[in-house]
Amino acid sequence: MDYKKIYFAAGCFWGGEHFLRKLPGVKATRVGFANGSTPSPSYREVYTDTTGYAETVEVTYDPAKMPLKRLVEAFFVIIDPLSLNRQGEDEGTRYRTGIYWEDGADVAAIDEAYEREERWQGRPLAVEREPLRNFYPAEEEHQDYLIKHSDGYCHVDLKALRYADLLKELASLVEDVPDEVAVMANTAALLHETMKFFWTGFYRVADESHLALGPFQGPVACYSIGFGKGVCGTAWKRAASVVVEDVEQFPGHIACSSASRSEIVVPLFDGGGKVAAVLDIDSDRLATFDDTDRRMLEIAMQIVAAEIY
């Protein structure tokens, strides 16, 4: 099996490693210091911000199970890509963000994910993109720190960590299962039970004019939704995720259930890049869904699509 390596600076490397090691296709992680100016630095030396190093996570991964573009997209979930030399409560050049590669062939996938993020943010990112010049592992006490110290400091959103566990379970659940309906059914069940959503399911593209109800978990739902209608039809038309904090304020909202208060809809693309279905998730609370939900559910749909299309 051909594993590859990529290096991510995500602020404090304790939390970065804890998230990245959970992702499907990740074989191993190691924390250390990258792209500095002095040989074999210690943690205390790097902490002074005089060595030029960034706290970095070395990720060994299987590109067949976790393509690099998807891995970079997951990395963006746990950082503020607009913040310079600061993540969470940590500030200093050692906490800058970056993506560092050993193999020049990786640049195209990194650039694709980077530029997608930049378009989403609407302004330049404060994330370095550079070849790896050097990497020195940190002392053993810093490896797998949050496994050794469950109460340790972590700037990574707890929701992102829950999703990382979910993605690994999802990848295992759908692996080598080409049946579209079966995969959608178990995906909906896993999301519903793990994240405790009010309604979780799929609407499949039936023809050019409407979506048809697919496998779901939750109360009874609408059988059909038109192209461009409601949140689901809008996500289909835009071929993009739609997050709604208050469904009553969404123009043309289709009230399949009066208990639904907020909603997220994420497209599922077929092998040709067309929307084949949408994942629809409803909450009975306002403003349930945020950018972490959007990003991680988009990755979940990539995992599903890779198996059934």
C-alpha atoms as a PDB file:
ATOM      1  CA  MET A   1       0.000   0.000   0.000  1.00  0.00           C
ATOM      2  CA  ASP A   2       1.388   3.392  -1.000  1.00  0.00           C
ATOM      3  CA  TYR A   3       1.029   5.846   1.852  1.00  0.00           C
ATOM      4  CA  LYS A   4       1.899   9.514   1.465  1.00  0.00           C
ATOM      5  CA  LYS A   5       2.761  12.339   3.855  1.00  0.00           C
ATOM      6  CA  ILE A   6       1.527  15.906   4.146  1.00  0.00           C
ATOM      7  CA  TYR A   7       2.235  18.496   6.854  1.00  0.00           C
ATOM      8  CA  PHE A   8      -0.327  20.829   8.423  1.00  0.00           C
ATOM      9  CA  ALA A   9       0.302  23.778  10.750  1.00  0.00           C
ATOM     10  CA  ALA A  10      -3.029  24.332  12.491  1.00  0.00           C
ATOM     11  CA  GLY A  11      -2.149  26.394  15.542  1.00  0.00           C
ATOM     12  CA  CYS A  12      -1.506  24.344  18.693  1.00  0.00           C
ATOM     13  CA  PHE A  13      -0.458  20.944  17.417  1.00  0.00           C
ATOM     14  CA  TRP A  14      -2.155  19.035  20.248  1.00  0.00           C
ATOM     15  CA  GLY A  15      -5.651  19.741  18.931  1.00  0.00           C
ATOM     16  CA  GLY A  16      -4.628  19.586  15.290  1.00  0.00           C
ATOM     17  CA  GLU A  17      -3.225  16.098  15.713  1.00  0.00           C
ATOM     18  CA  HIS A  18      -6.237  14.937  17.738  1.00  0.00           C
ATOM     19  CA  PHE A  19      -8.574  15.880  14.879  1.00  0.00           C
ATOM     20  CA  LEU A  20      -6.459  14.744  11.938  1.00  0.00           C
ATOM     21  CA  ARG A  21      -5.657  11.319  13.402  1.00  0.00           C
ATOM     22  CA  LYS A  22      -9.397  10.520  13.543  1.00  0.00           C
ATOM     23  CA  LEU A  23     -10.032  11.016   9.830  1.00  0.00           C
ATOM     24  CA  PRO A  24     -10.640   8.021   7.543  1.00  0.00           C
ATOM     25  CA  GLY A  25      -7.583   7.026   5.560  1.00  0.00           C
ATOM     26  CA  VAL A  26      -5.129   8.555   8.038  1.00  0.00           C
ATOM     27  CA  LYS A  27      -2.591   5.904   9.013  1.00  0.00           C
ATOM     28  CA  ALA A  28      -0.445   7.854  11.496  1.00  0.00           C
ATOM     29  CA  THR A  29       0.240  11.327  12.860  1.00  0.00           C
ATOM     30  CA  ARG A  30       3.242  12.914  14.545  1.00  0.00           C
ATOM     31  CA  VAL A  31       3.630  16.411  15.947  1.00  0.00           C
ATOM     32  CA  GLY A  32       6.722  18.512  15.467  1.00  0.00           C
ATOM     33  CA  PHE A  33       8.180  21.712  14.076  1.00  0.00           C
ATOM     34  CA  ALA A  34       8.405  22.684  10.406  1.00  0.00           C
ATOM     35  CA  ASN A  35      10.193  25.206   8.206  1.00  0.00           C
ATOM     36  CA  GLY A  36      12.366  26.908  10.776  1.00  0.00           C
ATOM     37  CA  SER A  37      15.971  28.023  10.863  1.00  0.00           C
ATOM     38  CA  THR A  38      17.772  26.067  13.599  1.00  0.00           C
ATOM     39  CA  PRO A  39      18.505  22.320  13.742  1.00  0.00           C
ATOM     40  CA  SER A  40      16.682  19.968  16.146  1.00  0.00           C
ATOM     41  CA  PRO A  41      14.773  22.576  18.173  1.00  0.00           C
ATOM     42  CA  SER A  42      13.135  21.759  21.477  1.00  0.00           C
ATOM     43  CA  TYR A  43       9.577  22.721  22.358  1.00  0.00           C
ATOM     44  CA  ARG A  44      10.900  25.358  24.761  1.00  0.00           C
ATOM     45  CA  GLU A  45      13.067  26.893  22.043  1.00  0.00           C
ATOM     46  CA  VAL A  46      10.216  27.020  19.521  1.00  0.00           C
ATOM     47  CA  TYR A  47       8.004  28.567  22.196  1.00  0.00           C
ATOM     48  CA  THR A  48      10.242  31.673  22.206  1.00  0.00           C
ATOM     49  CA  ASP A  49       9.186  32.481  18.610  1.00  0.00           C
ATOM     50  CA  THR A  50      12.827  33.028  17.643  1.00  0.00           C
ATOM     51  CA  THR A  51      13.454  29.832  15.664  1.00  0.00           C
ATOM     52  CA  GLY A  52      11.053  30.435  12.772  1.00  0.00           C
ATOM     53  CA  TYR A  53       9.291  27.098  13.252  1.00  0.00           C
ATOM     54  CA  ALA A  54       5.558  26.431  13.111  1.00  0.00           C
ATOM     55  CA  GLU A  55       3.907  23.804  15.292  1.00  0.00           C
ATOM     56  CA  THR A  56       3.034  21.186  12.683  1.00  0.00           C
ATOM     57  CA  VAL A  57       1.355  17.794  12.333  1.00  0.00           C
ATOM     58  CA  GLU A  58       2.906  15.208  10.032  1.00  0.00           C
ATOM     59  CA  VAL A  59       0.075  13.149   8.511  1.00  0.00           C
ATOM     60  CA  THR A  60       0.662   9.768   6.896  1.00  0.00           C
ATOM     61  CA  TYR A  61      -2.394   8.840   4.846  1.00  0.00           C
ATOM     62  CA  ASP A  62      -3.769   6.495   2.212  1.00  0.00           C
ATOM     63  CA  PRO A  63      -4.701   8.611  -0.833  1.00  0.00           C
ATOM     64  CA  ALA A  64      -7.007   5.842  -2.075  1.00  0.00           C
ATOM     65  CA  LYS A  65      -9.179   6.292   1.014  1.00  0.00           C
ATOM     66  CA  MET A  66      -8.536   9.974   1.738  1.00  0.00           C
ATOM     67  CA  PRO A  67      -7.601  11.970  -1.379  1.00  0.00           C
ATOM     68  CA  LEU A  68      -5.352  14.916  -0.606  1.00  0.00           C
ATOM     69  CA  LYS A  69      -7.892  17.522  -1.717  1.00  0.00           C
ATOM     70  CA  ARG A  70     -10.403  16.091   0.766  1.00  0.00           C
ATOM     71  CA  LEU A  71      -7.767  16.014   3.502  1.00  0.00           C
ATOM     72  CA  VAL A  72      -6.923  19.686   2.934  1.00  0.00           C
ATOM     73  CA  GLU A  73     -10.633  20.553   3.031  1.00  0.00           C
ATOM     74  CA  ALA A  74     -10.865  18.797   6.400  1.00  0.00           C
ATOM     75  CA  PHE A  75      -7.854  20.784   7.641  1.00  0.00           C
ATOM     76  CA  PHE A  76      -9.693  24.024   6.885  1.00  0.00           C
ATOM     77  CA  VAL A  77     -12.476  22.919   9.252  1.00  0.00           C
ATOM     78  CA  ILE A  78     -10.261  23.316  12.313  1.00  0.00           C
ATOM     79  CA  ILE A  79      -8.570  26.656  11.604  1.00  0.00           C
ATOM     80  CA  ASP A  80      -9.470  30.268  11.086  1.00  0.00           C
ATOM     81  CA  PRO A  81      -7.771  30.700   7.692  1.00  0.00           C
ATOM     82  CA  LEU A  82      -7.965  34.497   7.879  1.00  0.00           C
ATOM     83  CA  SER A  83      -6.127  34.810  11.193  1.00  0.00           C
ATOM     84  CA  LEU A  84      -2.401  35.594  11.046  1.00  0.00           C
ATOM     85  CA  ASN A  85      -0.210  34.004  13.732  1.00  0.00           C
ATOM     86  CA  ARG A  86      -3.164  33.248  15.966  1.00  0.00           C
ATOM     87  CA  GLN A  87      -5.535  30.305  16.452  1.00  0.00           C
ATOM     88  CA  GLY A  88      -7.931  30.166  19.369  1.00  0.00           C
ATOM     89  CA  GLU A  89      -6.218  31.599  22.436  1.00  0.00           C
ATOM     90  CA  ASP A  90      -2.733  30.899  21.057  1.00  0.00           C
ATOM     91  CA  GLU A  91      -0.748  33.741  19.514  1.00  0.00           C
ATOM     92  CA  GLY A  92       2.720  33.874  17.952  1.00  0.00           C
ATOM     93  CA  THR A  93       4.491  32.917  14.749  1.00  0.00           C
ATOM     94  CA  ARG A  94       4.787  29.323  15.976  1.00  0.00           C
ATOM     95  CA  TYR A  95       0.980  29.160  15.769  1.00  0.00           C
ATOM     96  CA  ARG A  96       0.753  30.314  12.148  1.00  0.00           C
ATOM     97  CA  THR A  97      -1.175  28.101   9.753  1.00  0.00           C
ATOM     98  CA  GLY A  98       0.302  26.345   6.758  1.00  0.00           C
ATOM     99  CA  ILE A  99       0.300  23.423   4.351  1.00  0.00           C
ATOM    100  CA  TYR A 100       3.725  21.940   3.557  1.00  0.00           C
ATOM    101  CA  TRP A 101       4.439  19.224   1.002  1.00  0.00           C
ATOM    102  CA  GLU A 102       7.291  16.857   0.160  1.00  0.00           C
ATOM    103  CA  ASP A 103       6.013  15.849  -3.279  1.00  0.00           C
ATOM    104  CA  GLY A 104       5.574  18.525  -5.935  1.00  0.00           C
ATOM    105  CA  ALA A 105       2.843  16.411  -7.509  1.00  0.00           C
ATOM    106  CA  ASP A 106       0.662  17.310  -4.506  1.00  0.00           C
ATOM    107  CA  VAL A 107       0.562  21.005  -5.337  1.00  0.00           C
ATOM    108  CA  ALA A 108      -2.381  20.806  -7.762  1.00  0.00           C
ATOM    109  CA  ALA A 109      -4.700  19.182  -5.187  1.00  0.00           C
ATOM    110  CA  ILE A 110      -3.562  21.592  -2.465  1.00  0.00           C
ATOM    111  CA  ASP A 111      -4.127  24.594  -4.733  1.00  0.00           C
ATOM    112  CA  GLU A 112      -7.592  23.371  -5.721  1.00  0.00           C
ATOM    113  CA  ALA A 113      -8.739  23.067  -2.112  1.00  0.00           C
ATOM    114  CA  TYR A 114      -6.968  26.303  -1.110  1.00  0.00           C
ATOM    115  CA  GLU A 115      -8.539  28.330  -3.898  1.00  0.00           C
ATOM    116  CA  ARG A 116     -11.977  26.895  -3.172  1.00  0.00           C
ATOM    117  CA  GLU A 117     -11.594  28.047   0.431  1.00  0.00           C
ATOM    118  CA  GLU A 118     -10.412  31.469  -0.701  1.00  0.00           C
ATOM    119  CA  ARG A 119     -13.487  31.866  -2.926  1.00  0.00           C
ATOM    120  CA  TRP A 120     -15.695  30.861  -0.015  1.00  0.00           C
ATOM    121  CA  GLN A 121     -14.032  33.374   2.322  1.00  0.00           C
ATOM    122  CA  GLY A 122     -14.059  36.115  -0.316  1.00  0.00           C
ATOM    123  CA  ARG A 123     -10.552  37.356   0.516  1.00  0.00           C
ATOM    124  CA  PRO A 124      -6.932  36.131   0.642  1.00  0.00           C
ATOM    125  CA  LEU A 125      -6.094  33.486   3.224  1.00  0.00           C
ATOM    126  CA  ALA A 126      -3.383  33.828   5.870  1.00  0.00           C
ATOM    127  CA  VAL A 127      -2.329  30.201   5.350  1.00  0.00           C
ATOM    128  CA  GLU A 128       1.163  29.401   4.082  1.00  0.00           C
ATOM    129  CA  ARG A 129       1.590  27.117   1.057  1.00  0.00           C
ATOM    130  CA  GLU A 130       5.204  25.981   0.840  1.00  0.00           C
ATOM    131  CA  PRO A 131       7.420  22.971   0.169  1.00  0.00           C
ATOM    132  CA  LEU A 132       8.584  21.319   3.371  1.00  0.00           C
ATOM    133  CA  ARG A 133      12.118  22.531   4.104  1.00  0.00           C
ATOM    134  CA  ASN A 134      12.572  20.652   7.359  1.00  0.00           C
ATOM    135  CA  PHE A 135      10.597  18.854  10.065  1.00  0.00           C
ATOM    136  CA  TYR A 136      11.736  17.849  13.528  1.00  0.00           C
ATOM    137  CA  PRO A 137       9.508  15.699  15.772  1.00  0.00           C
ATOM    138  CA  ALA A 138       8.543  17.197  19.115  1.00  0.00           C
ATOM    139  CA  GLU A 139       9.398  15.486  22.383  1.00  0.00           C
ATOM    140  CA  GLU A 140       7.481  12.293  23.224  1.00  0.00           C
ATOM    141  CA  GLU A 141       5.370  14.057  25.862  1.00  0.00           C
ATOM    142  CA  HIS A 142       3.719  16.068  23.062  1.00  0.00           C
ATOM    143  CA  GLN A 143       2.842  13.071  20.865  1.00  0.00           C
ATOM    144  CA  ASP A 144      -0.850  12.063  21.156  1.00  0.00           C
ATOM    145  CA  TYR A 145      -1.069  14.661  23.933  1.00  0.00           C
ATOM    146  CA  LEU A 146      -4.856  14.768  24.168  1.00  0.00           C
ATOM    147  CA  ILE A 147      -5.066  11.006  24.430  1.00  0.00           C
ATOM    148  CA  LYS A 148      -2.667  11.093  27.362  1.00  0.00           C
ATOM    149  CA  HIS A 149      -4.337  14.172  28.851  1.00  0.00           C
ATOM    150  CA  SER A 150      -8.093  14.130  28.161  1.00  0.00           C
ATOM    151  CA  ASP A 151      -8.502  17.425  30.024  1.00  0.00           C
ATOM    152  CA  GLY A 152      -5.744  19.153  28.034  1.00  0.00           C
ATOM    153  CA  TYR A 153      -6.235  22.404  26.142  1.00  0.00           C
ATOM    154  CA  CYS A 154      -7.644  22.084  22.630  1.00  0.00           C
ATOM    155  CA  HIS A 155      -8.678  24.934  20.341  1.00  0.00           C
ATOM    156  CA  VAL A 156     -10.482  22.566  17.952  1.00  0.00           C
ATOM    157  CA  ASP A 157     -14.287  22.695  17.998  1.00  0.00           C
ATOM    158  CA  LEU A 158     -15.733  19.654  19.796  1.00  0.00           C
ATOM    159  CA  LYS A 159     -18.320  19.337  17.033  1.00  0.00           C
ATOM    160  CA  ALA A 160     -15.507  18.929  14.488  1.00  0.00           C
ATOM    161  CA  LEU A 161     -14.036  16.108  16.581  1.00  0.00           C
ATOM    162  CA  ARG A 162     -17.420  14.348  16.696  1.00  0.00           C
ATOM    163  CA  TYR A 163     -17.732  14.668  12.934  1.00  0.00           C
ATOM    164  CA  ALA A 164     -14.220  13.280  12.434  1.00  0.00           C
ATOM    165  CA  ASP A 165     -15.214  10.138  14.332  1.00  0.00           C
ATOM    166  CA  LEU A 166     -18.417   9.973  12.300  1.00  0.00           C
ATOM    167  CA  LEU A 167     -16.544  10.238   8.984  1.00  0.00           C
ATOM    168  CA  LYS A 168     -14.305   7.310   9.895  1.00  0.00           C
ATOM    169  CA  GLU A 169     -17.341   5.208  10.803  1.00  0.00           C
ATOM    170  CA  LEU A 170     -19.141   6.281   7.632  1.00  0.00           C
ATOM    171  CA  ALA A 171     -16.181   5.368   5.414  1.00  0.00           C
ATOM    172  CA  SER A 172     -16.092   1.896   6.959  1.00  0.00           C
ATOM    173  CA  LEU A 173     -19.876   1.525   6.736  1.00  0.00           C
ATOM    174  CA  VAL A 174     -20.192   2.271   3.018  1.00  0.00           C
ATOM    175  CA  GLU A 175     -16.913   0.785   1.776  1.00  0.00           C
ATOM    176  CA  ASP A 176     -17.437  -1.568  -1.194  1.00  0.00           C
ATOM    177  CA  VAL A 177     -21.237  -1.131  -1.071  1.00  0.00           C
ATOM    178  CA  PRO A 178     -22.326   0.107  -4.530  1.00  0.00           C
ATOM    179  CA  ASP A 179     -26.077  -0.008  -3.828  1.00  0.00           C
ATOM    180  CA  GLU A 180     -27.253   3.619  -3.831  1.00  0.00           C
ATOM    181  CA  VAL A 181     -30.400   3.137  -1.747  1.00  0.00           C
ATOM    182  CA  ALA A 182     -28.690   0.949   0.846  1.00  0.00           C
ATOM    183  CA  VAL A 183     -25.832   3.422   1.275  1.00  0.00           C
ATOM    184  CA  MET A 184     -28.224   6.381   1.565  1.00  0.00           C
ATOM    185  CA  ALA A 185     -30.305   4.510   4.141  1.00  0.00           C
ATOM    186  CA  ASN A 186     -27.370   3.662   6.390  1.00  0.00           C
ATOM    187  CA  THR A 187     -25.803   7.099   5.944  1.00  0.00           C
ATOM    188  CA  ALA A 188     -29.037   8.764   7.057  1.00  0.00           C
ATOM    189  CA  ALA A 189     -29.294   6.391  10.027  1.00  0.00           C
ATOM    190  CA  LEU A 190     -25.685   6.981  11.108  1.00  0.00           C
ATOM    191  CA  LEU A 191     -25.969  10.773  10.906  1.00  0.00           C
ATOM    192  CA  HIS A 192     -29.329  10.773  12.655  1.00  0.00           C
ATOM    193  CA  GLU A 193     -28.249   8.577  15.558  1.00  0.00           C
ATOM    194  CA  THR A 194     -24.783  10.077  16.005  1.00  0.00           C
ATOM    195  CA  MET A 195     -25.669  13.761  15.777  1.00  0.00           C
ATOM    196  CA  LYS A 196     -29.250  13.491  17.146  1.00  0.00           C
ATOM    197  CA  PHE A 197     -30.823  15.501  14.351  1.00  0.00           C
ATOM    198  CA  PHE A 198     -34.603  15.974  14.127  1.00  0.00           C
ATOM    199  CA  TRP A 199     -34.871  14.734  10.514  1.00  0.00           C
ATOM    200  CA  THR A 200     -32.145  13.293   8.313  1.00  0.00           C
ATOM    201  CA  GLY A 201     -32.574  11.964   4.800  1.00  0.00           C
ATOM    202  CA  PHE A 202     -32.076  12.183   1.073  1.00  0.00           C
ATOM    203  CA  TYR A 203     -34.074  13.581  -1.803  1.00  0.00           C
ATOM    204  CA  ARG A 204     -33.044  11.989  -5.120  1.00  0.00           C
ATOM    205  CA  VAL A 205     -33.125  13.701  -8.500  1.00  0.00           C
ATOM    206  CA  ALA A 206     -36.046  11.953 -10.232  1.00  0.00           C
ATOM    207  CA  ASP A 207     -36.040  14.023 -13.424  1.00  0.00           C
ATOM    208  CA  GLU A 208     -35.221  17.563 -14.511  1.00  0.00           C
ATOM    209  CA  SER A 209     -38.165  19.021 -12.627  1.00  0.00           C
ATOM    210  CA  HIS A 210     -38.314  17.427  -9.202  1.00  0.00           C
ATOM    211  CA  LEU A 211     -36.649  15.615  -6.321  1.00  0.00           C
ATOM    212  CA  ALA A 212     -38.203  12.410  -4.956  1.00  0.00           C
ATOM    213  CA  LEU A 213     -38.082  11.362  -1.315  1.00  0.00           C
ATOM    214  CA  GLY A 214     -35.343   8.823  -0.578  1.00  0.00           C
ATOM    215  CA  PRO A 215     -34.224   6.958   2.557  1.00  0.00           C
ATOM    216  CA  PHE A 216     -34.661   9.001   5.724  1.00  0.00           C
ATOM    217  CA  GLN A 217     -34.895   8.961   9.519  1.00  0.00           C
ATOM    218  CA  GLY A 218     -37.532  11.025  11.334  1.00  0.00           C
ATOM    219  CA  PRO A 219     -41.174  12.099  10.928  1.00  0.00           C
ATOM    220  CA  VAL A 220     -43.065  11.645   7.660  1.00  0.00           C
ATOM    221  CA  ALA A 221     -41.871  13.971   4.908  1.00  0.00           C
ATOM    222  CA  CYS A 222     -42.797  15.523   1.574  1.00  0.00           C
ATOM    223  CA  TYR A 223     -42.830  13.052  -1.319  1.00  0.00           C
ATOM    224  CA  SER A 224     -41.613  15.510  -3.950  1.00  0.00           C
ATOM    225  CA  ILE A 225     -39.852  18.884  -4.164  1.00  0.00           C
ATOM    226  CA  GLY A 226     -39.562  20.948  -7.339  1.00  0.00           C
ATOM    227  CA  PHE A 227     -36.377  22.264  -8.916  1.00  0.00           C
ATOM    228  CA  GLY A 228     -35.454  25.545  -7.214  1.00  0.00           C
ATOM    229  CA  LYS A 229     -38.262  25.154  -4.661  1.00  0.00           C
ATOM    230  CA  GLY A 230     -37.704  25.295  -0.915  1.00  0.00           C
ATOM    231  CA  VAL A 231     -34.296  24.725   0.644  1.00  0.00           C
ATOM    232  CA  CYS A 232     -33.735  21.335  -1.026  1.00  0.00           C
ATOM    233  CA  GLY A 233     -34.694  22.553  -4.486  1.00  0.00           C
ATOM    234  CA  THR A 234     -32.543  25.653  -4.041  1.00  0.00           C
ATOM    235  CA  ALA A 235     -29.465  23.589  -3.095  1.00  0.00           C
ATOM    236  CA  TRP A 236     -30.110  21.430  -6.177  1.00  0.00           C
ATOM    237  CA  LYS A 237     -30.415  24.470  -8.432  1.00  0.00           C
ATOM    238  CA  ARG A 238     -27.308  26.156  -7.014  1.00  0.00           C
ATOM    239  CA  ALA A 239     -25.352  22.876  -6.827  1.00  0.00           C
ATOM    240  CA  ALA A 240     -24.153  24.166  -3.472  1.00  0.00           C
ATOM    241  CA  SER A 241     -24.893  23.694   0.214  1.00  0.00           C
ATOM    242  CA  VAL A 242     -27.542  25.890   1.818  1.00  0.00           C
ATOM    243  CA  VAL A 243     -27.602  26.627   5.563  1.00  0.00           C
ATOM    244  CA  VAL A 244     -30.762  28.205   6.984  1.00  0.00           C
ATOM    245  CA  GLU A 245     -30.882  29.525  10.552  1.00  0.00           C
ATOM    246  CA  ASP A 246     -34.665  30.063  10.544  1.00  0.00           C
ATOM    247  CA  VAL A 247     -36.728  28.210   7.945  1.00  0.00           C
ATOM    248  CA  GLU A 248     -39.638  30.607   8.387  1.00  0.00           C
ATOM    249  CA  GLN A 249     -37.442  33.376   6.968  1.00  0.00           C
ATOM    250  CA  PHE A 250     -36.392  31.389   3.894  1.00  0.00           C
ATOM    251  CA  PRO A 251     -38.312  32.526   0.776  1.00  0.00           C
ATOM    252  CA  GLY A 252     -40.556  29.751  -0.500  1.00  0.00           C
ATOM    253  CA  HIS A 253     -39.830  27.392   2.400  1.00  0.00           C
ATOM    254  CA  ILE A 254     -41.744  24.109   2.097  1.00  0.00           C
ATOM    255  CA  ALA A 255     -43.070  23.095   5.508  1.00  0.00           C
ATOM    256  CA  CYS A 256     -42.886  19.295   5.432  1.00  0.00           C
ATOM    257  CA  SER A 257     -42.990  19.427   9.240  1.00  0.00           C
ATOM    258  CA  SER A 258     -44.160  22.320  11.401  1.00  0.00           C
ATOM    259  CA  ALA A 259     -41.574  21.292  14.018  1.00  0.00           C
ATOM    260  CA  SER A 260     -38.638  22.098  11.734  1.00  0.00           C
ATOM    261  CA  ARG A 261     -36.912  25.348  12.725  1.00  0.00           C
ATOM    262  CA  SER A 262     -33.505  25.331  10.971  1.00  0.00           C
ATOM    263  CA  GLU A 263     -32.057  23.313   8.107  1.00  0.00           C
ATOM    264  CA  ILE A 264     -28.976  22.376   6.105  1.00  0.00           C
ATOM    265  CA  VAL A 265     -29.014  20.820   2.634  1.00  0.00           C
ATOM    266  CA  VAL A 266     -25.860  19.417   1.007  1.00  0.00           C
ATOM    267  CA  PRO A 267     -25.690  18.191  -2.613  1.00  0.00           C
ATOM    268  CA  LEU A 268     -24.492  14.704  -3.483  1.00  0.00           C
ATOM    269  CA  PHE A 269     -22.694  14.786  -6.832  1.00  0.00           C
ATOM    270  CA  ASP A 270     -22.433  11.884  -9.252  1.00  0.00           C
ATOM    271  CA  GLY A 271     -19.258  10.889 -11.084  1.00  0.00           C
ATOM    272  CA  GLY A 272     -19.899  13.508 -13.771  1.00  0.00           C
ATOM    273  CA  GLY A 273     -20.235  16.417 -11.360  1.00  0.00           C
ATOM    274  CA  LYS A 274     -24.036  16.653 -11.557  1.00  0.00           C
ATOM    275  CA  VAL A 275     -26.296  16.725  -8.507  1.00  0.00           C
ATOM    276  CA  ALA A 276     -27.719  13.209  -8.068  1.00  0.00           C
ATOM    277  CA  ALA A 277     -29.404  13.841  -4.718  1.00  0.00           C
ATOM    278  CA  VAL A 278     -29.358  16.165  -1.746  1.00  0.00           C
ATOM    279  CA  LEU A 279     -28.809  15.370   1.907  1.00  0.00           C
ATOM    280  CA  ASP A 280     -31.461  17.225   3.915  1.00  0.00           C
ATOM    281  CA  ILE A 281     -31.114  17.675   7.680  1.00  0.00           C
ATOM    282  CA  ASP A 282     -33.641  19.517   9.844  1.00  0.00           C
ATOM    283  CA  SER A 283     -33.481  20.666  13.448  1.00  0.00           C
ATOM    284  CA  ASP A 284     -36.305  21.551  15.814  1.00  0.00           C
ATOM    285  CA  ARG A 285     -34.138  24.399  17.145  1.00  0.00           C
ATOM    286  CA  LEU A 286     -33.151  27.681  15.525  1.00  0.00           C
ATOM    287  CA  ALA A 287     -29.614  28.248  14.165  1.00  0.00           C
ATOM    288  CA  THR A 288     -28.453  24.673  14.738  1.00  0.00           C
ATOM    289  CA  PHE A 289     -26.128  24.423  11.739  1.00  0.00           C
ATOM    290  CA  ASP A 290     -22.918  26.300  11.072  1.00  0.00           C
ATOM    291  CA  ASP A 291     -19.859  26.201   8.847  1.00  0.00           C
ATOM    292  CA  THR A 292     -18.479  23.129  10.616  1.00  0.00           C
ATOM    293  CA  ASP A 293     -21.647  21.199   9.751  1.00  0.00           C
ATOM    294  CA  ARG A 294     -21.460  22.353   6.147  1.00  0.00           C
ATOM    295  CA  ARG A 295     -17.805  21.463   5.653  1.00  0.00           C
ATOM    296  CA  MET A 296     -17.948  18.072   7.344  1.00  0.00           C
ATOM    297  CA  LEU A 297     -21.199  17.048   5.675  1.00  0.00           C
ATOM    298  CA  GLU A 298     -19.750  17.991   2.287  1.00  0.00           C
ATOM    299  CA  ILE A 299     -16.839  15.648   3.012  1.00  0.00           C
ATOM    300  CA  ALA A 300     -19.325  12.968   4.101  1.00  0.00           C
ATOM    301  CA  MET A 301     -21.089  13.280   0.748  1.00  0.00           C
ATOM    302  CA  GLN A 302     -17.745  12.935  -1.059  1.00  0.00           C
ATOM    303  CA  ILE A 303     -17.166   9.655   0.806  1.00  0.00           C
ATOM    304  CA  VAL A 304     -20.642   8.420  -0.143  1.00  0.00           C
ATOM    305  CA  ALA A 305     -20.321   9.480  -3.780  1.00  0.00           C
ATOM    306  CA  ALA A 306     -16.988   7.687  -4.158  1.00  0.00           C
ATOM    307  CA  GLU A 307     -18.700   4.393  -3.328  1.00  0.00           C
ATOM    308  CA  ILE A 308     -21.960   4.595  -5.279  1.00  0.00           C
ATOM    309  CA  TYR A 309     -21.112   6.577  -8.437  1.00  0.00           C
END
